[in-house]
Amino acid sequence: MLDLPNTTPTAREIFACLDAEWAELCEDASVRAAVADWLMTDHLPTTSRP
């Protein structure tokens, strides 16, 4: 078993941080436009599949 220090972030903490950073990025209109352009260019779906 790995002996990790107590300061090692958990997966939940890492994903919470990523979610917060993504939310902040999405507030920027230029970032939203760039992501939308990327999705359209690569024909990627904008909604998740069930």
PDB file of N, CA and C in Angstrom:
ATOM      1  N   MET A   1       0.844  -1.177   0.000  1.00  0.00           N
ATOM      2  CA  MET A   1       0.000   0.000   0.000  1.00  0.00           C
ATOM      3  C   MET A   1       0.893   1.245   0.000  1.00  0.00           C
ATOM      4  N   LEU A   2       0.445   2.261  -0.720  1.00  0.00           N
ATOM      5  CA  LEU A   2       1.206   3.499  -0.786  1.00  0.00           C
ATOM      6  C   LEU A   2       1.130   4.251   0.532  1.00  0.00           C
ATOM      7  N   ASP A   3       2.234   4.822   0.917  1.00  0.00           N
ATOM      8  CA  ASP A   3       2.273   5.646   2.120  1.00  0.00           C
ATOM      9  C   ASP A   3       2.250   7.106   1.680  1.00  0.00           C
ATOM     10  N   LEU A   4       1.048   7.668   1.552  1.00  0.00           N
ATOM     11  CA  LEU A   4       0.888   9.031   1.063  1.00  0.00           C
ATOM     12  C   LEU A   4       0.820  10.010   2.224  1.00  0.00           C
ATOM     13  N   PRO A   5       1.414  11.169   2.047  1.00  0.00           N
ATOM     14  CA  PRO A   5       1.321  12.178   3.114  1.00  0.00           C
ATOM     15  C   PRO A   5      -0.117  12.662   3.275  1.00  0.00           C
ATOM     16  N   ASN A   6      -0.447  13.170   4.434  1.00  0.00           N
ATOM     17  CA  ASN A   6      -1.798  13.644   4.725  1.00  0.00           C
ATOM     18  C   ASN A   6      -2.210  14.824   3.856  1.00  0.00           C
ATOM     19  N   THR A   7      -1.255  15.474   3.216  1.00  0.00           N
ATOM     20  CA  THR A   7      -1.562  16.641   2.390  1.00  0.00           C
ATOM     21  C   THR A   7      -1.935  16.272   0.963  1.00  0.00           C
ATOM     22  N   THR A   8      -1.895  14.987   0.625  1.00  0.00           N
ATOM     23  CA  THR A   8      -2.245  14.549  -0.720  1.00  0.00           C
ATOM     24  C   THR A   8      -3.748  14.756  -0.931  1.00  0.00           C
ATOM     25  N   PRO A   9      -4.121  15.531  -1.985  1.00  0.00           N
ATOM     26  CA  PRO A   9      -5.552  15.777  -2.220  1.00  0.00           C
ATOM     27  C   PRO A   9      -6.272  14.509  -2.659  1.00  0.00           C
ATOM     28  N   THR A  10      -7.520  14.418  -2.275  1.00  0.00           N
ATOM     29  CA  THR A  10      -8.344  13.286  -2.707  1.00  0.00           C
ATOM     30  C   THR A  10      -8.859  13.555  -4.115  1.00  0.00           C
ATOM     31  N   ALA A  11      -9.379  12.522  -4.738  1.00  0.00           N
ATOM     32  CA  ALA A  11      -9.961  12.693  -6.074  1.00  0.00           C
ATOM     33  C   ALA A  11     -11.097  13.705  -6.026  1.00  0.00           C
ATOM     34  N   ARG A  12     -11.911  13.644  -4.971  1.00  0.00           N
ATOM     35  CA  ARG A  12     -13.028  14.580  -4.833  1.00  0.00           C
ATOM     36  C   ARG A  12     -12.515  16.028  -4.788  1.00  0.00           C
ATOM     37  N   GLU A  13     -11.436  16.260  -4.065  1.00  0.00           N
ATOM     38  CA  GLU A  13     -10.869  17.612  -3.978  1.00  0.00           C
ATOM     39  C   GLU A  13     -10.311  18.069  -5.321  1.00  0.00           C
ATOM     40  N   ILE A  14      -9.672  17.150  -6.023  1.00  0.00           N
ATOM     41  CA  ILE A  14      -9.099  17.488  -7.331  1.00  0.00           C
ATOM     42  C   ILE A  14     -10.208  17.852  -8.314  1.00  0.00           C
ATOM     43  N   PHE A  15     -11.274  17.037  -8.364  1.00  0.00           N
ATOM     44  CA  PHE A  15     -12.363  17.313  -9.294  1.00  0.00           C
ATOM     45  C   PHE A  15     -13.144  18.561  -8.898  1.00  0.00           C
ATOM     46  N   ALA A  16     -13.256  18.837  -7.609  1.00  0.00           N
ATOM     47  CA  ALA A  16     -13.912  20.067  -7.162  1.00  0.00           C
ATOM     48  C   ALA A  16     -13.126  21.279  -7.633  1.00  0.00           C
ATOM     49  N   CYS A  17     -11.817  21.191  -7.570  1.00  0.00           N
ATOM     50  CA  CYS A  17     -10.961  22.279  -8.042  1.00  0.00           C
ATOM     51  C   CYS A  17     -11.103  22.451  -9.556  1.00  0.00           C
ATOM     52  N   LEU A  18     -11.096  21.346 -10.291  1.00  0.00           N
ATOM     53  CA  LEU A  18     -11.267  21.418 -11.741  1.00  0.00           C
ATOM     54  C   LEU A  18     -12.624  22.011 -12.112  1.00  0.00           C
ATOM     55  N   ASP A  19     -13.671  21.618 -11.392  1.00  0.00           N
ATOM     56  CA  ASP A  19     -15.007  22.165 -11.641  1.00  0.00           C
ATOM     57  C   ASP A  19     -15.031  23.669 -11.415  1.00  0.00           C
ATOM     58  N   ALA A  20     -14.391  24.120 -10.352  1.00  0.00           N
ATOM     59  CA  ALA A  20     -14.358  25.554 -10.045  1.00  0.00           C
ATOM     60  C   ALA A  20     -13.593  26.322 -11.127  1.00  0.00           C
ATOM     61  N   GLU A  21     -12.471  25.760 -11.565  1.00  0.00           N
ATOM     62  CA  GLU A  21     -11.684  26.412 -12.617  1.00  0.00           C
ATOM     63  C   GLU A  21     -12.467  26.444 -13.928  1.00  0.00           C
ATOM     64  N   TRP A  22     -13.174  25.370 -14.252  1.00  0.00           N
ATOM     65  CA  TRP A  22     -13.961  25.311 -15.479  1.00  0.00           C
ATOM     66  C   TRP A  22     -15.084  26.341 -15.428  1.00  0.00           C
ATOM     67  N   ALA A  23     -15.748  26.447 -14.283  1.00  0.00           N
ATOM     68  CA  ALA A  23     -16.827  27.427 -14.130  1.00  0.00           C
ATOM     69  C   ALA A  23     -16.302  28.843 -14.345  1.00  0.00           C
ATOM     70  N   GLU A  24     -15.124  29.119 -13.821  1.00  0.00           N
ATOM     71  CA  GLU A  24     -14.521  30.437 -14.000  1.00  0.00           C
ATOM     72  C   GLU A  24     -14.183  30.685 -15.468  1.00  0.00           C
ATOM     73  N   LEU A  25     -13.642  29.675 -16.138  1.00  0.00           N
ATOM     74  CA  LEU A  25     -13.330  29.809 -17.562  1.00  0.00           C
ATOM     75  C   LEU A  25     -14.590  30.057 -18.386  1.00  0.00           C
ATOM     76  N   CYS A  26     -15.670  29.366 -18.028  1.00  0.00           N
ATOM     77  CA  CYS A  26     -16.905  29.481 -18.791  1.00  0.00           C
ATOM     78  C   CYS A  26     -17.548  30.859 -18.662  1.00  0.00           C
ATOM     79  N   GLU A  27     -17.151  31.625 -17.657  1.00  0.00           N
ATOM     80  CA  GLU A  27     -17.668  32.981 -17.508  1.00  0.00           C
ATOM     81  C   GLU A  27     -17.093  33.915 -18.572  1.00  0.00           C
ATOM     82  N   ASP A  28     -15.994  33.517 -19.182  1.00  0.00           N
ATOM     83  CA  ASP A  28     -15.318  34.327 -20.201  1.00  0.00           C
ATOM     84  C   ASP A  28     -15.941  34.032 -21.563  1.00  0.00           C
ATOM     85  N   ALA A  29     -16.535  35.048 -22.176  1.00  0.00           N
ATOM     86  CA  ALA A  29     -17.223  34.878 -23.463  1.00  0.00           C
ATOM     87  C   ALA A  29     -16.278  34.370 -24.546  1.00  0.00           C
ATOM     88  N   SER A  30     -15.026  34.798 -24.542  1.00  0.00           N
ATOM     89  CA  SER A  30     -14.091  34.353 -25.578  1.00  0.00           C
ATOM     90  C   SER A  30     -13.776  32.868 -25.426  1.00  0.00           C
ATOM     91  N   VAL A  31     -13.718  32.384 -24.184  1.00  0.00           N
ATOM     92  CA  VAL A  31     -13.481  30.958 -23.957  1.00  0.00           C
ATOM     93  C   VAL A  31     -14.688  30.158 -24.421  1.00  0.00           C
ATOM     94  N   ARG A  32     -15.902  30.624 -24.080  1.00  0.00           N
ATOM     95  CA  ARG A  32     -17.114  29.928 -24.520  1.00  0.00           C
ATOM     96  C   ARG A  32     -17.162  29.855 -26.039  1.00  0.00           C
ATOM     97  N   ALA A  33     -16.807  30.937 -26.709  1.00  0.00           N
ATOM     98  CA  ALA A  33     -16.830  30.961 -28.174  1.00  0.00           C
ATOM     99  C   ALA A  33     -15.791  29.991 -28.745  1.00  0.00           C
ATOM    100  N   ALA A  34     -14.611  29.957 -28.142  1.00  0.00           N
ATOM    101  CA  ALA A  34     -13.563  29.057 -28.625  1.00  0.00           C
ATOM    102  C   ALA A  34     -13.978  27.606 -28.454  1.00  0.00           C
ATOM    103  N   VAL A  35     -14.582  27.272 -27.315  1.00  0.00           N
ATOM    104  CA  VAL A  35     -15.029  25.896 -27.087  1.00  0.00           C
ATOM    105  C   VAL A  35     -16.152  25.536 -28.056  1.00  0.00           C
ATOM    106  N   ALA A  36     -17.090  26.453 -28.262  1.00  0.00           N
ATOM    107  CA  ALA A  36     -18.190  26.196 -29.199  1.00  0.00           C
ATOM    108  C   ALA A  36     -17.641  25.969 -30.610  1.00  0.00           C
ATOM    109  N   ASP A  37     -16.677  26.777 -31.015  1.00  0.00           N
ATOM    110  CA  ASP A  37     -16.063  26.613 -32.338  1.00  0.00           C
ATOM    111  C   ASP A  37     -15.366  25.258 -32.446  1.00  0.00           C
ATOM    112  N   TRP A  38     -14.670  24.874 -31.398  1.00  0.00           N
ATOM    113  CA  TRP A  38     -13.974  23.586 -31.389  1.00  0.00           C
ATOM    114  C   TRP A  38     -14.980  22.445 -31.493  1.00  0.00           C
ATOM    115  N   LEU A  39     -16.075  22.531 -30.741  1.00  0.00           N
ATOM    116  CA  LEU A  39     -17.089  21.479 -30.793  1.00  0.00           C
ATOM    117  C   LEU A  39     -17.703  21.380 -32.184  1.00  0.00           C
ATOM    118  N   MET A  40     -17.988  22.521 -32.782  1.00  0.00           N
ATOM    119  CA  MET A  40     -18.615  22.524 -34.113  1.00  0.00           C
ATOM    120  C   MET A  40     -17.636  22.031 -35.175  1.00  0.00           C
ATOM    121  N   THR A  41     -16.391  22.449 -35.086  1.00  0.00           N
ATOM    122  CA  THR A  41     -15.380  22.054 -36.070  1.00  0.00           C
ATOM    123  C   THR A  41     -15.174  20.551 -36.065  1.00  0.00           C
ATOM    124  N   ASP A  42     -15.122  19.978 -34.874  1.00  0.00           N
ATOM    125  CA  ASP A  42     -14.870  18.539 -34.752  1.00  0.00           C
ATOM    126  C   ASP A  42     -16.149  17.720 -34.703  1.00  0.00           C
ATOM    127  N   HIS A  43     -17.299  18.401 -34.853  1.00  0.00           N
ATOM    128  CA  HIS A  43     -18.596  17.730 -34.870  1.00  0.00           C
ATOM    129  C   HIS A  43     -18.815  16.887 -33.623  1.00  0.00           C
ATOM    130  N   LEU A  44     -18.448  17.440 -32.474  1.00  0.00           N
ATOM    131  CA  LEU A  44     -18.632  16.743 -31.208  1.00  0.00           C
ATOM    132  C   LEU A  44     -20.001  17.113 -30.626  1.00  0.00           C
ATOM    133  N   PRO A  45     -20.647  16.176 -29.994  1.00  0.00           N
ATOM    134  CA  PRO A  45     -21.967  16.491 -29.399  1.00  0.00           C
ATOM    135  C   PRO A  45     -21.806  17.457 -28.233  1.00  0.00           C
ATOM    136  N   THR A  46     -22.782  18.320 -28.066  1.00  0.00           N
ATOM    137  CA  THR A  46     -22.739  19.284 -26.971  1.00  0.00           C
ATOM    138  C   THR A  46     -23.540  18.807 -25.772  1.00  0.00           C
ATOM    139  N   THR A  47     -24.191  17.661 -25.902  1.00  0.00           N
ATOM    140  CA  THR A  47     -24.932  17.082 -24.776  1.00  0.00           C
ATOM    141  C   THR A  47     -24.400  15.686 -24.510  1.00  0.00           C
ATOM    142  N   SER A  48     -24.556  15.251 -23.280  1.00  0.00           N
ATOM    143  CA  SER A  48     -24.078  13.905 -22.942  1.00  0.00           C
ATOM    144  C   SER A  48     -25.078  12.865 -23.419  1.00  0.00           C
ATOM    145  N   ARG A  49     -24.570  11.708 -23.668  1.00  0.00           N
ATOM    146  CA  ARG A  49     -25.418  10.593 -24.092  1.00  0.00           C
ATOM    147  C   ARG A  49     -25.939   9.872 -22.865  1.00  0.00           C
ATOM    148  N   PRO A  50     -27.134   9.331 -22.940  1.00  0.00           N
ATOM    149  CA  PRO A  50     -27.666   8.585 -21.777  1.00  0.00           C
ATOM    150  C   PRO A  50     -26.924   7.304 -21.537  1.00  0.00           C
TER     151      PRO A  50
END
